[in-house]
Amino acid sequence: MMEDKKGIMGGGYFRPEEKPFIDKMNDILLKAQTMYTPQLTDFLNLREQTILNNLINKYDDLFVHYFGGYDNAERVRGIIAPDYFVPKDSDYDISMYEIRYPEKFANLHHGQILGSLTGSGIDRDRFGDIITDGENWQFFVFKSMSDYIENQVKKIGPFKIHLMEKDFQDLLLPKDESTDETINVQSLRLDTIIATVYDLSRQNAKALVDHGKVQINWAVNKNASSFITITDTLSVRGFGRIRINDIMGRSKNNKYILFVNVIKK
C-alpha cells in the first residue's frame, strides 16, 4: 500500500481506467519520433496533461507544447514535436465562439452549455474551456468542427442562441469564482477529501459517490476508496468542484497536506 501512496504523491500513479489514454499517447509519441513530424492531441484535462508529461520524459528528442486558446487555459491541446519545433497559435486548430443569447430572459450556466455541446454529438475531447465574465460566454472547439457546430448548436436549454466565431484577441476576462485552500486529510481516499472540503460526514460523502454523483476527471467514479492524486479534478454534483493542485507531504500528526482549488456551487 505504501508503494501506491508514494506513486500518488509523486504524480506518477496511473489508474487501470487510464490505460486506453496512455496507449493512445504512446502511439502519438512513437509516431512523432519515427516520422519526426509534429502531432496534435485532442483537448486534454489537467490529469491527462500530467500523464503525457510523464510519458514524454522517456523521449530525449521530443517536447510537448500546450495551448487552449488563451493563457492558463485548463483544457488544452498538445503539440508533440521534435525539440527544434516552435508552434504558432494557428497550429493548434482551435476556434473560439461567443454565445449570443436573450440576456433579459436567459441565465446561462456552465452545465447547460456543456450539455448542449455534448448533446449535439460533439465528444468532450473535441472542445476546451467554457468561460464567462459573469454575463457573456465563450468556448473553444476544434477549428475543423466549426461548420458542424454552427449548424448543430442552435439552442442551449430552452433558449435560442447564435454562435459567433471570434478572434483570440476578443477573449473575455474569465471570472474566477474559485478559492485556493490547504486541507489536512487522514487519507487520500475520494470520500475523505469530499467530506473534508465540503464539511460532510464520511458517510454522506460516500453516499454521494455510491449514487454516481461524483466524477474524477470528468468520468463518474462510484468507488469511494479510490485514491486521489495530483492534478485530479473532482466534480461533486450539487456541491462544486475540487482540483488537487499539490500534495505537500505529511503534517506532524501524519495527515496528508493538500493544496486544493475549490469551486462551491
C-alpha atoms as a PDB file:
ATOM      1  CA  MET A   1       0.000   0.000   0.000  1.00  0.00           C
ATOM      2  CA  MET A   2       2.831   2.410   0.778  1.00  0.00           C
ATOM      3  CA  GLU A   3       4.156   1.856  -2.738  1.00  0.00           C
ATOM      4  CA  ASP A   4       0.812   3.060  -4.095  1.00  0.00           C
ATOM      5  CA  LYS A   5       0.862   6.131  -1.916  1.00  0.00           C
ATOM      6  CA  LYS A   6       4.407   7.017  -2.907  1.00  0.00           C
ATOM      7  CA  GLY A   7       3.337   6.858  -6.539  1.00  0.00           C
ATOM      8  CA  ILE A   8       0.330   9.024  -5.825  1.00  0.00           C
ATOM      9  CA  MET A   9       2.400  11.655  -4.042  1.00  0.00           C
ATOM     10  CA  GLY A  10       4.801  11.813  -6.971  1.00  0.00           C
ATOM     11  CA  GLY A  11       2.010  12.121  -9.538  1.00  0.00           C
ATOM     12  CA  GLY A  12       3.339   9.063 -11.390  1.00  0.00           C
ATOM     13  CA  TYR A  13       0.486   6.808 -10.340  1.00  0.00           C
ATOM     14  CA  PHE A  14      -1.805   5.578 -13.124  1.00  0.00           C
ATOM     15  CA  ARG A  15      -5.270   4.075 -12.727  1.00  0.00           C
ATOM     16  CA  PRO A  16      -6.357   0.985 -14.717  1.00  0.00           C
ATOM     17  CA  GLU A  17      -9.056   3.042 -16.478  1.00  0.00           C
ATOM     18  CA  GLU A  18      -6.364   5.444 -17.736  1.00  0.00           C
ATOM     19  CA  LYS A  19      -4.681   2.715 -19.785  1.00  0.00           C
ATOM     20  CA  PRO A  20      -6.543   3.457 -23.080  1.00  0.00           C
ATOM     21  CA  PHE A  21      -5.431   7.107 -22.851  1.00  0.00           C
ATOM     22  CA  ILE A  22      -1.835   6.053 -22.054  1.00  0.00           C
ATOM     23  CA  ASP A  23      -1.817   3.680 -25.045  1.00  0.00           C
ATOM     24  CA  LYS A  24      -3.154   6.445 -27.301  1.00  0.00           C
ATOM     25  CA  MET A  25      -0.458   8.904 -26.147  1.00  0.00           C
ATOM     26  CA  ASN A  26       2.267   6.269 -26.548  1.00  0.00           C
ATOM     27  CA  ASP A  27       1.142   5.746 -30.157  1.00  0.00           C
ATOM     28  CA  ILE A  28       1.291   9.508 -30.836  1.00  0.00           C
ATOM     29  CA  LEU A  29       4.739   9.783 -29.203  1.00  0.00           C
ATOM     30  CA  LEU A  30       6.062   6.908 -31.300  1.00  0.00           C
ATOM     31  CA  LYS A  31       4.617   8.491 -34.449  1.00  0.00           C
ATOM     32  CA  ALA A  32       6.231  11.862 -33.631  1.00  0.00           C
ATOM     33  CA  GLN A  33       9.574  10.150 -33.069  1.00  0.00           C
ATOM     34  CA  THR A  34       9.583   7.833 -36.083  1.00  0.00           C
ATOM     35  CA  MET A  35       8.093  10.325 -38.559  1.00  0.00           C
ATOM     36  CA  TYR A  36       9.887  13.268 -36.939  1.00  0.00           C
ATOM     37  CA  THR A  37       6.840  15.486 -37.510  1.00  0.00           C
ATOM     38  CA  PRO A  38       4.586  17.380 -35.052  1.00  0.00           C
ATOM     39  CA  GLN A  39       1.498  15.513 -33.767  1.00  0.00           C
ATOM     40  CA  LEU A  40      -1.595  17.267 -32.379  1.00  0.00           C
ATOM     41  CA  THR A  41      -3.628  15.836 -29.483  1.00  0.00           C
ATOM     42  CA  ASP A  42      -7.295  16.314 -28.595  1.00  0.00           C
ATOM     43  CA  PHE A  43      -8.149  18.723 -25.761  1.00  0.00           C
ATOM     44  CA  LEU A  44      -6.605  17.329 -22.588  1.00  0.00           C
ATOM     45  CA  ASN A  45      -7.673  17.933 -18.999  1.00  0.00           C
ATOM     46  CA  LEU A  46      -5.104  18.570 -16.251  1.00  0.00           C
ATOM     47  CA  ARG A  47      -4.788  14.910 -15.318  1.00  0.00           C
ATOM     48  CA  GLU A  48      -4.205  13.916 -18.956  1.00  0.00           C
ATOM     49  CA  GLN A  49      -1.547  16.625 -19.294  1.00  0.00           C
ATOM     50  CA  THR A  50       0.223  15.180 -16.234  1.00  0.00           C
ATOM     51  CA  ILE A  51       0.169  11.688 -17.753  1.00  0.00           C
ATOM     52  CA  LEU A  52       1.513  12.957 -21.094  1.00  0.00           C
ATOM     53  CA  ASN A  53       4.284  14.892 -19.314  1.00  0.00           C
ATOM     54  CA  ASN A  54       5.277  11.670 -17.533  1.00  0.00           C
ATOM     55  CA  LEU A  55       5.303   9.661 -20.776  1.00  0.00           C
ATOM     56  CA  ILE A  56       7.270  12.192 -22.831  1.00  0.00           C
ATOM     57  CA  ASN A  57      10.127  12.128 -20.301  1.00  0.00           C
ATOM     58  CA  LYS A  58      11.266   8.868 -21.914  1.00  0.00           C
ATOM     59  CA  TYR A  59      11.945  10.702 -25.207  1.00  0.00           C
ATOM     60  CA  ASP A  60      15.031  12.946 -25.189  1.00  0.00           C
ATOM     61  CA  ASP A  61      14.297  14.486 -28.584  1.00  0.00           C
ATOM     62  CA  LEU A  62      10.579  15.255 -28.157  1.00  0.00           C
ATOM     63  CA  PHE A  63       8.840  18.152 -26.458  1.00  0.00           C
ATOM     64  CA  VAL A  64       5.155  18.933 -25.819  1.00  0.00           C
ATOM     65  CA  HIS A  65       3.685  22.439 -26.228  1.00  0.00           C
ATOM     66  CA  TYR A  66       0.210  23.255 -24.878  1.00  0.00           C
ATOM     67  CA  PHE A  67      -2.392  25.843 -25.873  1.00  0.00           C
ATOM     68  CA  GLY A  68      -6.119  26.103 -25.163  1.00  0.00           C
ATOM     69  CA  GLY A  69      -6.988  29.429 -26.805  1.00  0.00           C
ATOM     70  CA  TYR A  70      -5.688  31.674 -24.023  1.00  0.00           C
ATOM     71  CA  ASP A  71      -3.005  31.771 -21.314  1.00  0.00           C
ATOM     72  CA  ASN A  72      -3.602  29.442 -18.357  1.00  0.00           C
ATOM     73  CA  ALA A  73      -6.453  27.573 -20.059  1.00  0.00           C
ATOM     74  CA  GLU A  74      -7.379  24.451 -18.121  1.00  0.00           C
ATOM     75  CA  ARG A  75      -8.203  22.253 -21.119  1.00  0.00           C
ATOM     76  CA  VAL A  76      -5.533  22.465 -23.814  1.00  0.00           C
ATOM     77  CA  ARG A  77      -4.370  20.748 -26.980  1.00  0.00           C
ATOM     78  CA  GLY A  78      -0.824  19.462 -27.066  1.00  0.00           C
ATOM     79  CA  ILE A  79       1.614  19.525 -29.962  1.00  0.00           C
ATOM     80  CA  ILE A  80       4.190  16.758 -29.571  1.00  0.00           C
ATOM     81  CA  ALA A  81       7.145  17.676 -31.736  1.00  0.00           C
ATOM     82  CA  PRO A  82      10.917  17.448 -32.184  1.00  0.00           C
ATOM     83  CA  ASP A  83      12.604  19.884 -29.818  1.00  0.00           C
ATOM     84  CA  TYR A  84      13.503  22.379 -32.589  1.00  0.00           C
ATOM     85  CA  PHE A  85       9.826  22.981 -33.500  1.00  0.00           C
ATOM     86  CA  VAL A  86       8.181  26.240 -32.335  1.00  0.00           C
ATOM     87  CA  PRO A  87       4.383  26.148 -32.817  1.00  0.00           C
ATOM     88  CA  LYS A  88       2.158  29.102 -33.700  1.00  0.00           C
ATOM     89  CA  ASP A  89      -1.328  29.518 -32.178  1.00  0.00           C
ATOM     90  CA  SER A  90      -2.857  28.575 -35.542  1.00  0.00           C
ATOM     91  CA  ASP A  91      -1.112  25.168 -35.430  1.00  0.00           C
ATOM     92  CA  TYR A  92      -3.448  24.071 -32.623  1.00  0.00           C
ATOM     93  CA  ASP A  93      -6.581  24.116 -34.850  1.00  0.00           C
ATOM     94  CA  ILE A  94      -8.741  25.908 -32.255  1.00  0.00           C
ATOM     95  CA  SER A  95     -11.731  28.199 -32.832  1.00  0.00           C
ATOM     96  CA  MET A  96     -13.290  30.443 -30.201  1.00  0.00           C
ATOM     97  CA  TYR A  97     -17.044  31.061 -30.162  1.00  0.00           C
ATOM     98  CA  GLU A  98     -19.120  33.606 -28.290  1.00  0.00           C
ATOM     99  CA  ILE A  99     -22.697  32.686 -27.403  1.00  0.00           C
ATOM    100  CA  ARG A 100     -25.311  35.325 -28.223  1.00  0.00           C
ATOM    101  CA  TYR A 101     -28.477  34.726 -26.231  1.00  0.00           C
ATOM    102  CA  PRO A 102     -31.508  36.693 -24.894  1.00  0.00           C
ATOM    103  CA  GLU A 103     -29.801  38.061 -21.784  1.00  0.00           C
ATOM    104  CA  LYS A 104     -33.018  39.638 -20.437  1.00  0.00           C
ATOM    105  CA  PHE A 105     -34.735  36.267 -20.242  1.00  0.00           C
ATOM    106  CA  ALA A 106     -31.921  33.724 -20.006  1.00  0.00           C
ATOM    107  CA  ASN A 107     -29.392  32.981 -17.329  1.00  0.00           C
ATOM    108  CA  LEU A 108     -26.923  30.510 -18.819  1.00  0.00           C
ATOM    109  CA  HIS A 109     -24.643  28.336 -16.738  1.00  0.00           C
ATOM    110  CA  HIS A 110     -21.650  26.099 -17.458  1.00  0.00           C
ATOM    111  CA  GLY A 111     -23.530  22.800 -17.144  1.00  0.00           C
ATOM    112  CA  GLN A 112     -26.210  23.881 -19.632  1.00  0.00           C
ATOM    113  CA  ILE A 113     -23.623  24.849 -22.248  1.00  0.00           C
ATOM    114  CA  LEU A 114     -21.621  21.669 -21.693  1.00  0.00           C
ATOM    115  CA  GLY A 115     -24.821  19.600 -22.019  1.00  0.00           C
ATOM    116  CA  SER A 116     -25.831  21.321 -25.272  1.00  0.00           C
ATOM    117  CA  LEU A 117     -22.408  20.770 -26.833  1.00  0.00           C
ATOM    118  CA  THR A 118     -22.142  17.103 -25.873  1.00  0.00           C
ATOM    119  CA  GLY A 119     -25.852  16.613 -26.700  1.00  0.00           C
ATOM    120  CA  SER A 120     -25.214  17.786 -30.258  1.00  0.00           C
ATOM    121  CA  GLY A 121     -22.867  14.840 -30.756  1.00  0.00           C
ATOM    122  CA  ILE A 122     -19.528  16.508 -30.008  1.00  0.00           C
ATOM    123  CA  ASP A 123     -17.155  14.408 -27.894  1.00  0.00           C
ATOM    124  CA  ARG A 124     -15.831  16.120 -24.754  1.00  0.00           C
ATOM    125  CA  ASP A 125     -12.241  15.896 -26.013  1.00  0.00           C
ATOM    126  CA  ARG A 126     -13.181  17.991 -29.069  1.00  0.00           C
ATOM    127  CA  PHE A 127     -13.790  21.194 -27.140  1.00  0.00           C
ATOM    128  CA  GLY A 128     -11.912  23.091 -24.466  1.00  0.00           C
ATOM    129  CA  ASP A 129     -12.764  25.575 -21.732  1.00  0.00           C
ATOM    130  CA  ILE A 130     -16.148  27.244 -21.364  1.00  0.00           C
ATOM    131  CA  ILE A 131     -15.548  30.690 -19.858  1.00  0.00           C
ATOM    132  CA  THR A 132     -17.629  33.641 -18.667  1.00  0.00           C
ATOM    133  CA  ASP A 133     -17.062  37.172 -17.409  1.00  0.00           C
ATOM    134  CA  GLY A 134     -20.280  36.833 -15.404  1.00  0.00           C
ATOM    135  CA  GLU A 135     -22.533  37.837 -18.277  1.00  0.00           C
ATOM    136  CA  ASN A 136     -21.097  36.740 -21.625  1.00  0.00           C
ATOM    137  CA  TRP A 137     -19.942  33.214 -22.501  1.00  0.00           C
ATOM    138  CA  GLN A 138     -17.255  31.832 -24.824  1.00  0.00           C
ATOM    139  CA  PHE A 139     -15.940  28.339 -25.554  1.00  0.00           C
ATOM    140  CA  PHE A 140     -13.149  26.701 -27.570  1.00  0.00           C
ATOM    141  CA  VAL A 141     -13.513  23.883 -30.070  1.00  0.00           C
ATOM    142  CA  PHE A 142     -11.627  22.144 -32.896  1.00  0.00           C
ATOM    143  CA  LYS A 143     -11.487  24.550 -35.851  1.00  0.00           C
ATOM    144  CA  SER A 144     -12.195  21.572 -38.115  1.00  0.00           C
ATOM    145  CA  MET A 145     -15.622  21.243 -36.422  1.00  0.00           C
ATOM    146  CA  SER A 146     -16.679  24.882 -36.980  1.00  0.00           C
ATOM    147  CA  ASP A 147     -19.247  24.175 -39.719  1.00  0.00           C
ATOM    148  CA  TYR A 148     -20.745  21.277 -37.766  1.00  0.00           C
ATOM    149  CA  ILE A 149     -21.081  23.243 -34.534  1.00  0.00           C
ATOM    150  CA  GLU A 150     -22.630  26.281 -36.239  1.00  0.00           C
ATOM    151  CA  ASN A 151     -25.237  24.038 -37.875  1.00  0.00           C
ATOM    152  CA  GLN A 152     -25.973  21.843 -34.851  1.00  0.00           C
ATOM    153  CA  VAL A 153     -25.961  24.130 -31.809  1.00  0.00           C
ATOM    154  CA  LYS A 154     -28.986  26.428 -32.104  1.00  0.00           C
ATOM    155  CA  LYS A 155     -30.337  26.168 -28.547  1.00  0.00           C
ATOM    156  CA  ILE A 156     -28.963  25.995 -25.032  1.00  0.00           C
ATOM    157  CA  GLY A 157     -31.575  24.687 -22.634  1.00  0.00           C
ATOM    158  CA  PRO A 158     -34.886  26.232 -23.754  1.00  0.00           C
ATOM    159  CA  PHE A 159     -33.212  29.336 -25.235  1.00  0.00           C
ATOM    160  CA  LYS A 160     -32.430  30.012 -28.875  1.00  0.00           C
ATOM    161  CA  ILE A 161     -28.835  31.143 -29.274  1.00  0.00           C
ATOM    162  CA  HIS A 162     -26.495  32.325 -32.015  1.00  0.00           C
ATOM    163  CA  LEU A 163     -22.819  31.362 -32.143  1.00  0.00           C
ATOM    164  CA  MET A 164     -20.291  33.942 -33.330  1.00  0.00           C
ATOM    165  CA  GLU A 165     -16.733  32.928 -34.137  1.00  0.00           C
ATOM    166  CA  LYS A 166     -14.295  35.390 -32.558  1.00  0.00           C
ATOM    167  CA  ASP A 167     -10.565  36.093 -32.699  1.00  0.00           C
ATOM    168  CA  PHE A 168      -8.480  35.217 -29.665  1.00  0.00           C
ATOM    169  CA  GLN A 169      -7.899  38.933 -29.001  1.00  0.00           C
ATOM    170  CA  ASP A 170     -11.659  39.248 -28.269  1.00  0.00           C
ATOM    171  CA  LEU A 171     -11.263  36.946 -25.268  1.00  0.00           C
ATOM    172  CA  LEU A 172     -13.449  37.711 -22.260  1.00  0.00           C
ATOM    173  CA  LEU A 173     -11.725  38.269 -18.946  1.00  0.00           C
ATOM    174  CA  PRO A 174     -12.756  35.000 -17.268  1.00  0.00           C
ATOM    175  CA  LYS A 175     -14.405  35.414 -13.882  1.00  0.00           C
ATOM    176  CA  ASP A 176     -12.670  33.164 -11.351  1.00  0.00           C
ATOM    177  CA  GLU A 177     -15.013  32.116  -8.566  1.00  0.00           C
ATOM    178  CA  SER A 178     -12.651  29.533  -7.120  1.00  0.00           C
ATOM    179  CA  THR A 179     -10.617  29.699  -3.906  1.00  0.00           C
ATOM    180  CA  ASP A 180      -7.299  28.095  -3.001  1.00  0.00           C
ATOM    181  CA  GLU A 181      -7.328  26.154   0.257  1.00  0.00           C
ATOM    182  CA  THR A 182      -4.929  23.987   2.237  1.00  0.00           C
ATOM    183  CA  ILE A 183      -6.562  20.952   3.849  1.00  0.00           C
ATOM    184  CA  ASN A 184      -5.302  18.120   6.061  1.00  0.00           C
ATOM    185  CA  VAL A 185      -6.741  14.654   5.416  1.00  0.00           C
ATOM    186  CA  GLN A 186      -6.278  11.281   7.095  1.00  0.00           C
ATOM    187  CA  SER A 187      -6.079   9.500   3.724  1.00  0.00           C
ATOM    188  CA  LEU A 188      -6.139  10.217   0.001  1.00  0.00           C
ATOM    189  CA  ARG A 189      -9.468   8.418  -0.450  1.00  0.00           C
ATOM    190  CA  LEU A 190     -12.117  10.081  -2.611  1.00  0.00           C
ATOM    191  CA  ASP A 191     -14.786  10.185   0.128  1.00  0.00           C
ATOM    192  CA  THR A 192     -12.339  11.579   2.729  1.00  0.00           C
ATOM    193  CA  ILE A 193     -11.385  14.527   0.522  1.00  0.00           C
ATOM    194  CA  ILE A 194     -15.003  15.349  -0.399  1.00  0.00           C
ATOM    195  CA  ALA A 195     -16.043  15.149   3.280  1.00  0.00           C
ATOM    196  CA  THR A 196     -13.205  17.467   4.362  1.00  0.00           C
ATOM    197  CA  VAL A 197     -13.678  20.131   1.643  1.00  0.00           C
ATOM    198  CA  TYR A 198     -17.476  20.323   1.876  1.00  0.00           C
ATOM    199  CA  ASP A 199     -17.684  19.698   5.638  1.00  0.00           C
ATOM    200  CA  LEU A 200     -19.721  16.491   5.315  1.00  0.00           C
ATOM    201  CA  SER A 201     -19.659  13.248   7.270  1.00  0.00           C
ATOM    202  CA  ARG A 202     -17.684  10.427   5.637  1.00  0.00           C
ATOM    203  CA  GLN A 203     -20.982   8.534   5.370  1.00  0.00           C
ATOM    204  CA  ASN A 204     -22.663  11.353   3.414  1.00  0.00           C
ATOM    205  CA  ALA A 205     -19.614  11.764   1.164  1.00  0.00           C
ATOM    206  CA  LYS A 206     -19.588   8.011   0.475  1.00  0.00           C
ATOM    207  CA  ALA A 207     -23.326   8.116  -0.366  1.00  0.00           C
ATOM    208  CA  LEU A 208     -22.670  10.826  -2.984  1.00  0.00           C
ATOM    209  CA  VAL A 209     -20.026   8.591  -4.579  1.00  0.00           C
ATOM    210  CA  ASP A 210     -22.178   5.443  -4.359  1.00  0.00           C
ATOM    211  CA  HIS A 211     -25.072   7.228  -6.094  1.00  0.00           C
ATOM    212  CA  GLY A 212     -22.923   8.291  -9.082  1.00  0.00           C
ATOM    213  CA  LYS A 213     -22.839  11.984  -8.156  1.00  0.00           C
ATOM    214  CA  VAL A 214     -19.050  12.249  -8.185  1.00  0.00           C
ATOM    215  CA  GLN A 215     -16.691  12.403 -11.152  1.00  0.00           C
ATOM    216  CA  ILE A 216     -12.914  12.075 -11.193  1.00  0.00           C
ATOM    217  CA  ASN A 217     -11.543  13.901 -14.225  1.00  0.00           C
ATOM    218  CA  TRP A 218     -14.989  14.065 -15.841  1.00  0.00           C
ATOM    219  CA  ALA A 219     -15.698  10.334 -15.545  1.00  0.00           C
ATOM    220  CA  VAL A 220     -18.219   9.049 -12.989  1.00  0.00           C
ATOM    221  CA  ASN A 221     -16.482   7.107 -10.211  1.00  0.00           C
ATOM    222  CA  LYS A 222     -18.536   5.011  -7.777  1.00  0.00           C
ATOM    223  CA  ASN A 223     -15.606   3.729  -5.732  1.00  0.00           C
ATOM    224  CA  ALA A 224     -15.375   5.784  -2.526  1.00  0.00           C
ATOM    225  CA  SER A 225     -11.991   4.249  -1.681  1.00  0.00           C
ATOM    226  CA  SER A 226     -10.360   5.413  -4.953  1.00  0.00           C
ATOM    227  CA  PHE A 227      -7.055   7.166  -4.359  1.00  0.00           C
ATOM    228  CA  ILE A 228      -6.753  10.784  -5.466  1.00  0.00           C
ATOM    229  CA  THR A 229      -3.568  12.200  -6.933  1.00  0.00           C
ATOM    230  CA  ILE A 230      -2.022  15.498  -8.081  1.00  0.00           C
ATOM    231  CA  THR A 231      -3.964  17.370 -10.843  1.00  0.00           C
ATOM    232  CA  ASP A 232      -7.100  15.257 -10.347  1.00  0.00           C
ATOM    233  CA  THR A 233     -10.332  17.235 -10.680  1.00  0.00           C
ATOM    234  CA  LEU A 234     -13.298  16.049  -8.608  1.00  0.00           C
ATOM    235  CA  SER A 235     -16.794  17.188  -9.597  1.00  0.00           C
ATOM    236  CA  VAL A 236     -19.460  16.720  -6.925  1.00  0.00           C
ATOM    237  CA  ARG A 237     -22.999  17.281  -8.179  1.00  0.00           C
ATOM    238  CA  GLY A 238     -24.780  19.922  -6.115  1.00  0.00           C
ATOM    239  CA  PHE A 239     -21.604  20.970  -4.298  1.00  0.00           C
ATOM    240  CA  GLY A 240     -18.994  22.081  -6.845  1.00  0.00           C
ATOM    241  CA  ARG A 241     -15.516  21.149  -7.976  1.00  0.00           C
ATOM    242  CA  ILE A 242     -12.192  20.360  -6.300  1.00  0.00           C
ATOM    243  CA  ARG A 243      -8.834  20.411  -8.102  1.00  0.00           C
ATOM    244  CA  ILE A 244      -5.848  18.796  -6.383  1.00  0.00           C
ATOM    245  CA  ASN A 245      -3.003  21.230  -7.098  1.00  0.00           C
ATOM    246  CA  ASP A 246      -0.385  19.662  -4.844  1.00  0.00           C
ATOM    247  CA  ILE A 247       0.202  17.017  -2.179  1.00  0.00           C
ATOM    248  CA  MET A 248       2.708  18.693   0.088  1.00  0.00           C
ATOM    249  CA  GLY A 249       3.695  15.796   2.325  1.00  0.00           C
ATOM    250  CA  ARG A 250       2.567  14.953   5.871  1.00  0.00           C
ATOM    251  CA  SER A 251       1.739  17.049   8.918  1.00  0.00           C
ATOM    252  CA  LYS A 252       3.141  16.380  12.427  1.00  0.00           C
ATOM    253  CA  ASN A 253       0.130  14.200  13.215  1.00  0.00           C
ATOM    254  CA  ASN A 254       0.736  12.242   9.984  1.00  0.00           C
ATOM    255  CA  LYS A 255      -2.118  13.667   7.904  1.00  0.00           C
ATOM    256  CA  TYR A 256      -1.660  14.437   4.211  1.00  0.00           C
ATOM    257  CA  ILE A 257      -1.424  18.172   3.468  1.00  0.00           C
ATOM    258  CA  LEU A 258      -3.229  19.021   0.228  1.00  0.00           C
ATOM    259  CA  PHE A 259      -3.265  22.310  -1.663  1.00  0.00           C
ATOM    260  CA  VAL A 260      -6.618  22.413  -3.463  1.00  0.00           C
ATOM    261  CA  ASN A 261      -8.621  24.780  -5.645  1.00  0.00           C
ATOM    262  CA  VAL A 262     -12.331  24.749  -4.801  1.00  0.00           C
ATOM    263  CA  ILE A 263     -15.426  25.993  -6.614  1.00  0.00           C
ATOM    264  CA  LYS A 264     -18.534  25.880  -4.433  1.00  0.00           C
ATOM    265  CA  LYS A 265     -21.979  25.952  -6.014  1.00  0.00           C
END
